[in-house]
Amino acid sequence: MGRATVADVELRAYTDDDAAATLGVFQRAIRVTAGRDYTPEQIAVWAPADVDAERWASRRAAAGTVVAVVDGEVAGFTDLGEDGYIDMMFVDPAYARRGIATALLEHVVSAAVGRGLTELTVHASLTAKPFFERHGFVVDAQRFPVRGGVRLTNFDMRRVLEAGPVARRP
């Protein structure tokens, strides 16, 4: 796979054929990319090996997931709830730092503005927090959710929307 850029990214609606690819992106993004910020125990409960593939597929379909495709491969994905909540935004580590997440966020912002939403919210991981901050999100609170008896750390973040492109901070 070559060095993809935002210009090489196709964004499209999730299809049932994307289930395995999006699950793989999710697991690799957590195990590899977030692995530098979380312990092995935290990674194991966040991205377990035994995810129910059917449940994953139905959740992705119901969430209105959008996938980022580069050279025919799913490089990332995101979703946007009716209330402006971004439940998932993940990029495969093989495509990291190539503008994929920015392209996905620009899509989310455009969709939210088109729906008349006035803000976006996300529970950002330690790993994703700097990305969201660079794009105009602010931390409302630090959170400590518990999964499988293991305490994680993430952040309630919010961005007030204005009509226009994604705001980038220096």
C-alpha atoms as a PDB file:
ATOM      1  CA  MET A   1       0.000   0.000   0.000  1.00  0.00           C
ATOM      2  CA  GLY A   2       1.294   3.422  -0.960  1.00  0.00           C
ATOM      3  CA  ARG A   3       1.341   6.610   1.047  1.00  0.00           C
ATOM      4  CA  ALA A   4      -2.290   7.775   0.911  1.00  0.00           C
ATOM      5  CA  THR A   5      -3.289  11.390   1.309  1.00  0.00           C
ATOM      6  CA  VAL A   6      -6.668  13.006   1.902  1.00  0.00           C
ATOM      7  CA  ALA A   7      -7.005  13.414  -1.872  1.00  0.00           C
ATOM      8  CA  ASP A   8      -6.835   9.615  -2.212  1.00  0.00           C
ATOM      9  CA  VAL A   9      -9.621   8.970   0.309  1.00  0.00           C
ATOM     10  CA  GLU A  10     -13.127   8.001  -0.721  1.00  0.00           C
ATOM     11  CA  LEU A  11     -15.791   8.442   1.945  1.00  0.00           C
ATOM     12  CA  ARG A  12     -18.914   6.339   1.566  1.00  0.00           C
ATOM     13  CA  ALA A  13     -21.740   4.818   3.534  1.00  0.00           C
ATOM     14  CA  TYR A  14     -21.044   1.596   5.417  1.00  0.00           C
ATOM     15  CA  THR A  15     -22.349  -1.607   3.842  1.00  0.00           C
ATOM     16  CA  ASP A  16     -22.712  -5.067   5.374  1.00  0.00           C
ATOM     17  CA  ASP A  17     -19.582  -6.067   3.440  1.00  0.00           C
ATOM     18  CA  ASP A  18     -17.586  -3.612   5.606  1.00  0.00           C
ATOM     19  CA  ALA A  19     -18.233  -5.387   8.911  1.00  0.00           C
ATOM     20  CA  ALA A  20     -15.031  -7.418   9.113  1.00  0.00           C
ATOM     21  CA  ALA A  21     -12.873  -4.562   7.790  1.00  0.00           C
ATOM     22  CA  THR A  22     -14.241  -1.989  10.253  1.00  0.00           C
ATOM     23  CA  LEU A  23     -13.881  -4.428  13.147  1.00  0.00           C
ATOM     24  CA  GLY A  24     -10.265  -5.002  12.101  1.00  0.00           C
ATOM     25  CA  VAL A  25      -9.615  -1.252  11.946  1.00  0.00           C
ATOM     26  CA  PHE A  26     -11.174  -0.825  15.408  1.00  0.00           C
ATOM     27  CA  GLN A  27      -9.058  -3.575  16.948  1.00  0.00           C
ATOM     28  CA  ARG A  28      -5.784  -2.524  15.295  1.00  0.00           C
ATOM     29  CA  ALA A  29      -6.322   1.155  16.135  1.00  0.00           C
ATOM     30  CA  ILE A  30      -6.793   0.308  19.797  1.00  0.00           C
ATOM     31  CA  ARG A  31      -4.160  -2.413  20.070  1.00  0.00           C
ATOM     32  CA  VAL A  32      -1.470  -0.556  18.109  1.00  0.00           C
ATOM     33  CA  THR A  33      -2.190   3.177  18.093  1.00  0.00           C
ATOM     34  CA  ALA A  34      -3.771   3.453  21.557  1.00  0.00           C
ATOM     35  CA  GLY A  35      -1.416   0.810  22.902  1.00  0.00           C
ATOM     36  CA  ARG A  36       1.106   3.522  23.752  1.00  0.00           C
ATOM     37  CA  ASP A  37      -1.380   5.259  26.076  1.00  0.00           C
ATOM     38  CA  TYR A  38      -3.159   2.324  27.733  1.00  0.00           C
ATOM     39  CA  THR A  39      -2.013  -0.789  29.584  1.00  0.00           C
ATOM     40  CA  PRO A  40      -2.315  -4.271  28.046  1.00  0.00           C
ATOM     41  CA  GLU A  41      -5.133  -5.003  30.512  1.00  0.00           C
ATOM     42  CA  GLN A  42      -7.036  -1.890  29.382  1.00  0.00           C
ATOM     43  CA  ILE A  43      -6.488  -2.746  25.701  1.00  0.00           C
ATOM     44  CA  ALA A  44      -7.755  -6.296  26.275  1.00  0.00           C
ATOM     45  CA  VAL A  45     -11.113  -5.115  27.654  1.00  0.00           C
ATOM     46  CA  TRP A  46     -11.490  -2.282  25.144  1.00  0.00           C
ATOM     47  CA  ALA A  47     -10.691  -4.364  22.044  1.00  0.00           C
ATOM     48  CA  PRO A  48     -11.282  -8.005  22.983  1.00  0.00           C
ATOM     49  CA  ALA A  49     -10.519 -10.784  20.513  1.00  0.00           C
ATOM     50  CA  ASP A  50     -13.979 -12.323  20.944  1.00  0.00           C
ATOM     51  CA  VAL A  51     -16.189  -9.510  19.580  1.00  0.00           C
ATOM     52  CA  ASP A  52     -19.546 -10.803  18.308  1.00  0.00           C
ATOM     53  CA  ALA A  53     -19.243 -10.104  14.559  1.00  0.00           C
ATOM     54  CA  GLU A  54     -23.029 -10.047  13.985  1.00  0.00           C
ATOM     55  CA  ARG A  55     -23.595  -7.604  16.816  1.00  0.00           C
ATOM     56  CA  TRP A  56     -20.734  -5.435  15.508  1.00  0.00           C
ATOM     57  CA  ALA A  57     -22.233  -5.414  11.998  1.00  0.00           C
ATOM     58  CA  SER A  58     -25.703  -4.491  13.219  1.00  0.00           C
ATOM     59  CA  ARG A  59     -24.345  -1.698  15.437  1.00  0.00           C
ATOM     60  CA  ARG A  60     -22.294  -0.230  12.592  1.00  0.00           C
ATOM     61  CA  ALA A  61     -25.280  -0.360  10.229  1.00  0.00           C
ATOM     62  CA  ALA A  62     -27.614   1.223  12.796  1.00  0.00           C
ATOM     63  CA  ALA A  63     -25.099   3.984  13.597  1.00  0.00           C
ATOM     64  CA  GLY A  64     -25.016   5.364  10.064  1.00  0.00           C
ATOM     65  CA  THR A  65     -21.315   4.564   9.819  1.00  0.00           C
ATOM     66  CA  VAL A  66     -19.208   6.193   7.122  1.00  0.00           C
ATOM     67  CA  VAL A  67     -16.048   4.453   5.936  1.00  0.00           C
ATOM     68  CA  ALA A  68     -12.870   5.946   4.510  1.00  0.00           C
ATOM     69  CA  VAL A  69     -11.526   3.835   1.659  1.00  0.00           C
ATOM     70  CA  VAL A  70      -8.029   4.045   0.164  1.00  0.00           C
ATOM     71  CA  ASP A  71      -7.121   1.847  -2.809  1.00  0.00           C
ATOM     72  CA  GLY A  72     -10.131  -0.370  -2.140  1.00  0.00           C
ATOM     73  CA  GLU A  73      -9.266  -0.944   1.530  1.00  0.00           C
ATOM     74  CA  VAL A  74     -11.163   0.395   4.541  1.00  0.00           C
ATOM     75  CA  ALA A  75      -8.681   2.767   6.193  1.00  0.00           C
ATOM     76  CA  GLY A  76     -11.001   4.215   8.839  1.00  0.00           C
ATOM     77  CA  PHE A  77     -14.582   4.848   9.864  1.00  0.00           C
ATOM     78  CA  THR A  78     -16.800   7.079  11.949  1.00  0.00           C
ATOM     79  CA  ASP A  79     -20.413   7.677  12.864  1.00  0.00           C
ATOM     80  CA  LEU A  80     -22.628  10.513  14.031  1.00  0.00           C
ATOM     81  CA  GLY A  81     -25.606  10.152  16.337  1.00  0.00           C
ATOM     82  CA  GLU A  82     -28.782  12.181  15.887  1.00  0.00           C
ATOM     83  CA  ASP A  83     -27.745  14.252  18.914  1.00  0.00           C
ATOM     84  CA  GLY A  84     -24.274  15.076  17.532  1.00  0.00           C
ATOM     85  CA  TYR A  85     -22.415  12.379  19.485  1.00  0.00           C
ATOM     86  CA  ILE A  86     -19.477  10.732  17.687  1.00  0.00           C
ATOM     87  CA  ASP A  87     -19.454   7.228  19.133  1.00  0.00           C
ATOM     88  CA  MET A  88     -16.587   5.891  17.047  1.00  0.00           C
ATOM     89  CA  MET A  89     -13.836   7.372  14.912  1.00  0.00           C
ATOM     90  CA  PHE A  90     -10.948   5.033  14.191  1.00  0.00           C
ATOM     91  CA  VAL A  91      -8.163   4.922  11.612  1.00  0.00           C
ATOM     92  CA  ASP A  92      -6.086   1.867  10.812  1.00  0.00           C
ATOM     93  CA  PRO A  93      -2.507   2.384  12.056  1.00  0.00           C
ATOM     94  CA  ALA A  94      -1.264   1.624   8.531  1.00  0.00           C
ATOM     95  CA  TYR A  95      -2.965   4.875   7.433  1.00  0.00           C
ATOM     96  CA  ALA A  96      -2.151   7.014  10.469  1.00  0.00           C
ATOM     97  CA  ARG A  97      -1.139  10.658  10.065  1.00  0.00           C
ATOM     98  CA  ARG A  98      -2.303  10.870   6.450  1.00  0.00           C
ATOM     99  CA  GLY A  99      -5.400  13.017   6.931  1.00  0.00           C
ATOM    100  CA  ILE A 100      -7.918  10.156   7.131  1.00  0.00           C
ATOM    101  CA  ALA A 101      -9.307  11.200  10.538  1.00  0.00           C
ATOM    102  CA  THR A 102      -9.464  14.820   9.395  1.00  0.00           C
ATOM    103  CA  ALA A 103     -11.430  13.798   6.289  1.00  0.00           C
ATOM    104  CA  LEU A 104     -13.803  11.774   8.470  1.00  0.00           C
ATOM    105  CA  LEU A 105     -14.239  14.659  10.903  1.00  0.00           C
ATOM    106  CA  GLU A 106     -14.883  17.106   8.068  1.00  0.00           C
ATOM    107  CA  HIS A 107     -17.622  14.768   6.872  1.00  0.00           C
ATOM    108  CA  VAL A 108     -19.116  14.584  10.376  1.00  0.00           C
ATOM    109  CA  VAL A 109     -19.066  18.376  10.747  1.00  0.00           C
ATOM    110  CA  SER A 110     -20.719  18.846   7.363  1.00  0.00           C
ATOM    111  CA  ALA A 111     -23.396  16.260   8.157  1.00  0.00           C
ATOM    112  CA  ALA A 112     -24.051  17.806  11.583  1.00  0.00           C
ATOM    113  CA  VAL A 113     -24.348  21.329  10.170  1.00  0.00           C
ATOM    114  CA  GLY A 114     -26.658  19.961   7.470  1.00  0.00           C
ATOM    115  CA  ARG A 115     -28.882  18.491  10.189  1.00  0.00           C
ATOM    116  CA  GLY A 116     -28.974  21.808  12.014  1.00  0.00           C
ATOM    117  CA  LEU A 117     -26.971  20.552  14.999  1.00  0.00           C
ATOM    118  CA  THR A 118     -25.200  23.186  17.056  1.00  0.00           C
ATOM    119  CA  GLU A 119     -22.499  21.040  18.648  1.00  0.00           C
ATOM    120  CA  LEU A 120     -20.609  17.763  18.455  1.00  0.00           C
ATOM    121  CA  THR A 121     -19.630  15.640  21.445  1.00  0.00           C
ATOM    122  CA  VAL A 122     -17.257  12.723  21.849  1.00  0.00           C
ATOM    123  CA  HIS A 123     -15.727  10.590  24.588  1.00  0.00           C
ATOM    124  CA  ALA A 124     -12.129  10.873  23.387  1.00  0.00           C
ATOM    125  CA  SER A 125      -9.410   8.486  24.449  1.00  0.00           C
ATOM    126  CA  LEU A 126      -6.051   9.670  25.744  1.00  0.00           C
ATOM    127  CA  THR A 127      -4.779   8.943  22.242  1.00  0.00           C
ATOM    128  CA  ALA A 128      -7.513  10.841  20.368  1.00  0.00           C
ATOM    129  CA  LYS A 129      -7.743  13.852  22.698  1.00  0.00           C
ATOM    130  CA  PRO A 130      -4.962  15.881  20.987  1.00  0.00           C
ATOM    131  CA  PHE A 131      -6.552  15.303  17.550  1.00  0.00           C
ATOM    132  CA  PHE A 132      -9.930  16.575  18.729  1.00  0.00           C
ATOM    133  CA  GLU A 133      -8.324  19.541  20.505  1.00  0.00           C
ATOM    134  CA  ARG A 134      -6.555  20.531  17.266  1.00  0.00           C
ATOM    135  CA  HIS A 135      -9.978  20.540  15.611  1.00  0.00           C
ATOM    136  CA  GLY A 136     -11.715  22.864  18.038  1.00  0.00           C
ATOM    137  CA  PHE A 137     -13.020  20.461  20.693  1.00  0.00           C
ATOM    138  CA  VAL A 138     -12.668  21.358  24.358  1.00  0.00           C
ATOM    139  CA  VAL A 139     -12.610  19.046  27.375  1.00  0.00           C
ATOM    140  CA  ASP A 140     -15.679  19.263  29.574  1.00  0.00           C
ATOM    141  CA  ALA A 141     -14.626  16.495  31.972  1.00  0.00           C
ATOM    142  CA  GLN A 142     -12.220  13.632  32.450  1.00  0.00           C
ATOM    143  CA  ARG A 143     -14.015  10.280  32.722  1.00  0.00           C
ATOM    144  CA  PHE A 144     -13.041   6.914  34.184  1.00  0.00           C
ATOM    145  CA  PRO A 145     -15.378   4.300  32.688  1.00  0.00           C
ATOM    146  CA  VAL A 146     -15.003   0.711  33.873  1.00  0.00           C
ATOM    147  CA  ARG A 147     -15.152  -2.182  31.400  1.00  0.00           C
ATOM    148  CA  GLY A 148     -14.849  -5.756  32.541  1.00  0.00           C
ATOM    149  CA  GLY A 149     -13.691  -4.510  35.938  1.00  0.00           C
ATOM    150  CA  VAL A 150     -10.879  -2.446  34.391  1.00  0.00           C
ATOM    151  CA  ARG A 151     -10.778   1.323  34.744  1.00  0.00           C
ATOM    152  CA  LEU A 152     -10.083   3.340  31.582  1.00  0.00           C
ATOM    153  CA  THR A 153      -9.532   7.056  31.081  1.00  0.00           C
ATOM    154  CA  ASN A 154     -11.219   9.232  28.480  1.00  0.00           C
ATOM    155  CA  PHE A 155     -12.586  12.741  28.097  1.00  0.00           C
ATOM    156  CA  ASP A 156     -15.998  14.294  27.515  1.00  0.00           C
ATOM    157  CA  MET A 157     -15.264  16.739  24.719  1.00  0.00           C
ATOM    158  CA  ARG A 158     -17.457  19.216  22.876  1.00  0.00           C
ATOM    159  CA  ARG A 159     -17.210  21.443  19.857  1.00  0.00           C
ATOM    160  CA  VAL A 160     -19.658  24.215  19.085  1.00  0.00           C
ATOM    161  CA  LEU A 161     -20.500  24.185  15.393  1.00  0.00           C
ATOM    162  CA  GLU A 162     -20.483  27.031  12.974  1.00  0.00           C
ATOM    163  CA  ALA A 163     -21.234  26.739   9.293  1.00  0.00           C
ATOM    164  CA  GLY A 164     -17.923  26.245   7.530  1.00  0.00           C
ATOM    165  CA  PRO A 165     -14.878  23.950   7.411  1.00  0.00           C
ATOM    166  CA  VAL A 166     -13.247  22.107  10.293  1.00  0.00           C
ATOM    167  CA  ALA A 167     -11.404  24.578  12.511  1.00  0.00           C
ATOM    168  CA  ARG A 168      -7.730  23.783  12.919  1.00  0.00           C
ATOM    169  CA  ARG A 169      -5.751  25.075  15.842  1.00  0.00           C
ATOM    170  CA  PRO A 170      -2.016  25.782  15.506  1.00  0.00           C
END
